[in-house]
Amino acid sequence: MIDVALQPGAPEIPDKLYFKIGEVSELLGVEPYVLRYWETEFAVLSPKKSGTGHRLYRRKDVELLLRIKHLLYEKKFTIEGARMALHAESRAPKPRAAKRLQQELFEDPISNIRRELTEILELLK
């Protein structure tokens, strides 16, 4: 996944716990109704609500909104296409898992067999 928040020209996200919809709207350069609409279209986007019903976005929500905006406005994806891209990104192997898999593929085959036999032995106990 491309970290849109780290790309050149991306707005700097202030270091705070929660953001109001107006702050997020200004940060992303879209109207608040657009954010509310995206909330209905993307199930992964679910800001918390305050006791008075105001939306409170966390940093991860803002980063997700930046990603959605990038997909829709710059990559010209449809809503469905952006939804599918986000789903595919969430299913992609995490860097640690990929690194571990790569290490397993290239490590000494005998130590790999020994480790697997040890695991089998533990299961049989």
C-alpha atoms as a PDB file:
ATOM      1  CA  MET A   1       0.000   0.000   0.000  1.00  0.00           C
ATOM      2  CA  ILE A   2       1.256   3.437  -0.875  1.00  0.00           C
ATOM      3  CA  ASP A   3       1.298   5.714   2.132  1.00  0.00           C
ATOM      4  CA  VAL A   4      -0.426   8.743   0.667  1.00  0.00           C
ATOM      5  CA  ALA A   5       0.226  10.719   3.836  1.00  0.00           C
ATOM      6  CA  LEU A   6       3.972  10.483   3.119  1.00  0.00           C
ATOM      7  CA  GLN A   7       3.804  11.488  -0.548  1.00  0.00           C
ATOM      8  CA  PRO A   8       5.073  14.915  -1.627  1.00  0.00           C
ATOM      9  CA  GLY A   9       2.316  17.510  -1.586  1.00  0.00           C
ATOM     10  CA  ALA A  10       0.203  15.544   0.893  1.00  0.00           C
ATOM     11  CA  PRO A  11      -1.083  17.638   3.783  1.00  0.00           C
ATOM     12  CA  GLU A  12       0.683  17.256   7.099  1.00  0.00           C
ATOM     13  CA  ILE A  13      -1.620  15.640   9.629  1.00  0.00           C
ATOM     14  CA  PRO A  14      -1.401  17.405  13.010  1.00  0.00           C
ATOM     15  CA  ASP A  15      -0.425  15.273  15.984  1.00  0.00           C
ATOM     16  CA  LYS A  16      -3.723  15.001  17.861  1.00  0.00           C
ATOM     17  CA  LEU A  17      -6.039  12.207  18.956  1.00  0.00           C
ATOM     18  CA  TYR A  18      -9.261  13.345  17.308  1.00  0.00           C
ATOM     19  CA  PHE A  19     -10.264  15.656  14.476  1.00  0.00           C
ATOM     20  CA  LYS A  20     -13.660  17.264  13.873  1.00  0.00           C
ATOM     21  CA  ILE A  21     -15.250  16.933  10.452  1.00  0.00           C
ATOM     22  CA  GLY A  22     -14.484  20.589   9.651  1.00  0.00           C
ATOM     23  CA  GLU A  23     -10.796  20.081  10.381  1.00  0.00           C
ATOM     24  CA  VAL A  24     -10.643  16.954   8.228  1.00  0.00           C
ATOM     25  CA  SER A  25     -12.589  18.693   5.471  1.00  0.00           C
ATOM     26  CA  GLU A  26     -10.114  21.563   5.443  1.00  0.00           C
ATOM     27  CA  LEU A  27      -7.121  19.223   5.628  1.00  0.00           C
ATOM     28  CA  LEU A  28      -8.300  17.165   2.638  1.00  0.00           C
ATOM     29  CA  GLY A  29      -9.730  20.054   0.649  1.00  0.00           C
ATOM     30  CA  VAL A  30     -13.196  18.523   0.286  1.00  0.00           C
ATOM     31  CA  GLU A  31     -16.576  19.564   1.660  1.00  0.00           C
ATOM     32  CA  PRO A  32     -17.925  17.893   4.821  1.00  0.00           C
ATOM     33  CA  TYR A  33     -20.811  16.324   2.877  1.00  0.00           C
ATOM     34  CA  VAL A  34     -18.225  14.467   0.759  1.00  0.00           C
ATOM     35  CA  LEU A  35     -16.737  12.937   3.915  1.00  0.00           C
ATOM     36  CA  ARG A  36     -20.200  11.924   5.122  1.00  0.00           C
ATOM     37  CA  TYR A  37     -20.920  10.371   1.718  1.00  0.00           C
ATOM     38  CA  TRP A  38     -17.635   8.427   1.722  1.00  0.00           C
ATOM     39  CA  GLU A  39     -18.568   7.152   5.164  1.00  0.00           C
ATOM     40  CA  THR A  40     -21.694   5.555   3.641  1.00  0.00           C
ATOM     41  CA  GLU A  41     -19.756   4.042   0.730  1.00  0.00           C
ATOM     42  CA  PHE A  42     -16.682   2.687   2.536  1.00  0.00           C
ATOM     43  CA  ALA A  43     -17.497   0.349   5.425  1.00  0.00           C
ATOM     44  CA  VAL A  44     -13.908   0.527   6.704  1.00  0.00           C
ATOM     45  CA  LEU A  45     -14.423   4.224   7.410  1.00  0.00           C
ATOM     46  CA  SER A  46     -16.269   4.643  10.684  1.00  0.00           C
ATOM     47  CA  PRO A  47     -15.420   7.707  12.743  1.00  0.00           C
ATOM     48  CA  LYS A  48     -16.470   7.733  16.365  1.00  0.00           C
ATOM     49  CA  LYS A  49     -19.319   9.975  17.429  1.00  0.00           C
ATOM     50  CA  SER A  50     -19.170  12.297  20.412  1.00  0.00           C
ATOM     51  CA  GLY A  51     -21.921  12.423  22.991  1.00  0.00           C
ATOM     52  CA  THR A  52     -23.511  15.212  20.968  1.00  0.00           C
ATOM     53  CA  GLY A  53     -23.323  13.221  17.723  1.00  0.00           C
ATOM     54  CA  HIS A  54     -20.377  15.040  16.152  1.00  0.00           C
ATOM     55  CA  ARG A  55     -17.992  12.900  14.114  1.00  0.00           C
ATOM     56  CA  LEU A  56     -14.547  12.435  15.612  1.00  0.00           C
ATOM     57  CA  TYR A  57     -11.918  11.153  13.202  1.00  0.00           C
ATOM     58  CA  ARG A  58      -8.742   9.447  14.408  1.00  0.00           C
ATOM     59  CA  ARG A  59      -5.424   9.751  12.623  1.00  0.00           C
ATOM     60  CA  LYS A  60      -5.939   6.371  10.917  1.00  0.00           C
ATOM     61  CA  ASP A  61      -9.318   7.629   9.638  1.00  0.00           C
ATOM     62  CA  VAL A  62      -7.652  10.739   8.190  1.00  0.00           C
ATOM     63  CA  GLU A  63      -4.953   8.603   6.539  1.00  0.00           C
ATOM     64  CA  LEU A  64      -7.664   6.357   5.088  1.00  0.00           C
ATOM     65  CA  LEU A  65      -9.536   9.404   3.803  1.00  0.00           C
ATOM     66  CA  LEU A  66      -6.335  10.643   2.156  1.00  0.00           C
ATOM     67  CA  ARG A  67      -6.003   7.234   0.480  1.00  0.00           C
ATOM     68  CA  ILE A  68      -9.634   7.309  -0.685  1.00  0.00           C
ATOM     69  CA  LYS A  69      -9.209  10.831  -2.060  1.00  0.00           C
ATOM     70  CA  HIS A  70      -6.031   9.760  -3.866  1.00  0.00           C
ATOM     71  CA  LEU A  71      -7.793   6.784  -5.452  1.00  0.00           C
ATOM     72  CA  LEU A  72     -10.874   8.770  -6.487  1.00  0.00           C
ATOM     73  CA  TYR A  73      -9.404  12.111  -7.532  1.00  0.00           C
ATOM     74  CA  GLU A  74      -5.910  11.307  -8.751  1.00  0.00           C
ATOM     75  CA  LYS A  75      -6.140   7.686  -9.905  1.00  0.00           C
ATOM     76  CA  LYS A  76      -9.708   8.311 -11.202  1.00  0.00           C
ATOM     77  CA  PHE A  77     -11.128   5.135  -9.661  1.00  0.00           C
ATOM     78  CA  THR A  78     -14.863   4.699  -9.333  1.00  0.00           C
ATOM     79  CA  ILE A  79     -16.264   4.282  -5.823  1.00  0.00           C
ATOM     80  CA  GLU A  80     -16.511   0.522  -6.416  1.00  0.00           C
ATOM     81  CA  GLY A  81     -12.970   0.419  -7.829  1.00  0.00           C
ATOM     82  CA  ALA A  82     -11.601   2.317  -4.821  1.00  0.00           C
ATOM     83  CA  ARG A  83     -13.503  -0.008  -2.477  1.00  0.00           C
ATOM     84  CA  MET A  84     -11.974  -3.044  -4.220  1.00  0.00           C
ATOM     85  CA  ALA A  85      -8.473  -1.507  -4.159  1.00  0.00           C
ATOM     86  CA  LEU A  86      -8.718  -0.833  -0.416  1.00  0.00           C
ATOM     87  CA  HIS A  87      -9.968  -4.373   0.167  1.00  0.00           C
ATOM     88  CA  ALA A  88      -7.089  -5.827  -1.872  1.00  0.00           C
ATOM     89  CA  GLU A  89      -4.576  -3.697   0.052  1.00  0.00           C
ATOM     90  CA  SER A  90      -5.941  -4.889   3.373  1.00  0.00           C
ATOM     91  CA  ARG A  91      -5.566  -8.506   2.256  1.00  0.00           C
ATOM     92  CA  ALA A  92      -1.999  -8.057   0.982  1.00  0.00           C
ATOM     93  CA  PRO A  93       0.656  -9.707   3.144  1.00  0.00           C
ATOM     94  CA  LYS A  94       2.102  -7.417   5.761  1.00  0.00           C
ATOM     95  CA  PRO A  95       5.822  -6.570   5.391  1.00  0.00           C
ATOM     96  CA  ARG A  96       6.783  -8.670   8.422  1.00  0.00           C
ATOM     97  CA  ALA A  97       4.906 -11.726   7.163  1.00  0.00           C
ATOM     98  CA  ALA A  98       6.430 -11.336   3.717  1.00  0.00           C
ATOM     99  CA  LYS A  99       9.920 -10.991   5.198  1.00  0.00           C
ATOM    100  CA  ARG A 100       9.407 -14.094   7.366  1.00  0.00           C
ATOM    101  CA  LEU A 101       8.189 -16.053   4.325  1.00  0.00           C
ATOM    102  CA  GLN A 102      11.222 -14.917   2.343  1.00  0.00           C
ATOM    103  CA  GLN A 103      13.553 -15.972   5.174  1.00  0.00           C
ATOM    104  CA  GLU A 104      11.889 -19.388   5.336  1.00  0.00           C
ATOM    105  CA  LEU A 105      12.318 -19.870   1.595  1.00  0.00           C
ATOM    106  CA  PHE A 106      16.017 -19.025   1.631  1.00  0.00           C
ATOM    107  CA  GLU A 107      17.161 -20.470   4.947  1.00  0.00           C
ATOM    108  CA  ASP A 108      19.042 -23.721   5.227  1.00  0.00           C
ATOM    109  CA  PRO A 109      16.680 -26.580   4.187  1.00  0.00           C
ATOM    110  CA  ILE A 110      17.971 -28.866   6.966  1.00  0.00           C
ATOM    111  CA  SER A 111      17.177 -26.334   9.691  1.00  0.00           C
ATOM    112  CA  ASN A 112      13.760 -25.824   8.100  1.00  0.00           C
ATOM    113  CA  ILE A 113      13.091 -29.590   8.198  1.00  0.00           C
ATOM    114  CA  ARG A 114      14.380 -29.780  11.774  1.00  0.00           C
ATOM    115  CA  ARG A 115      12.028 -26.979  12.840  1.00  0.00           C
ATOM    116  CA  GLU A 116       9.051 -28.646  11.147  1.00  0.00           C
ATOM    117  CA  LEU A 117       9.849 -32.020  12.737  1.00  0.00           C
ATOM    118  CA  THR A 118      10.137 -30.351  16.133  1.00  0.00           C
ATOM    119  CA  GLU A 119       6.707 -28.786  15.622  1.00  0.00           C
ATOM    120  CA  ILE A 120       5.255 -32.183  14.673  1.00  0.00           C
ATOM    121  CA  LEU A 121       6.842 -33.763  17.735  1.00  0.00           C
ATOM    122  CA  GLU A 122       5.267 -31.102  19.953  1.00  0.00           C
ATOM    123  CA  LEU A 123       1.881 -31.838  18.404  1.00  0.00           C
ATOM    124  CA  LEU A 124       2.244 -35.563  19.107  1.00  0.00           C
ATOM    125  CA  LYS A 125       3.091 -35.039  22.799  1.00  0.00           C
END
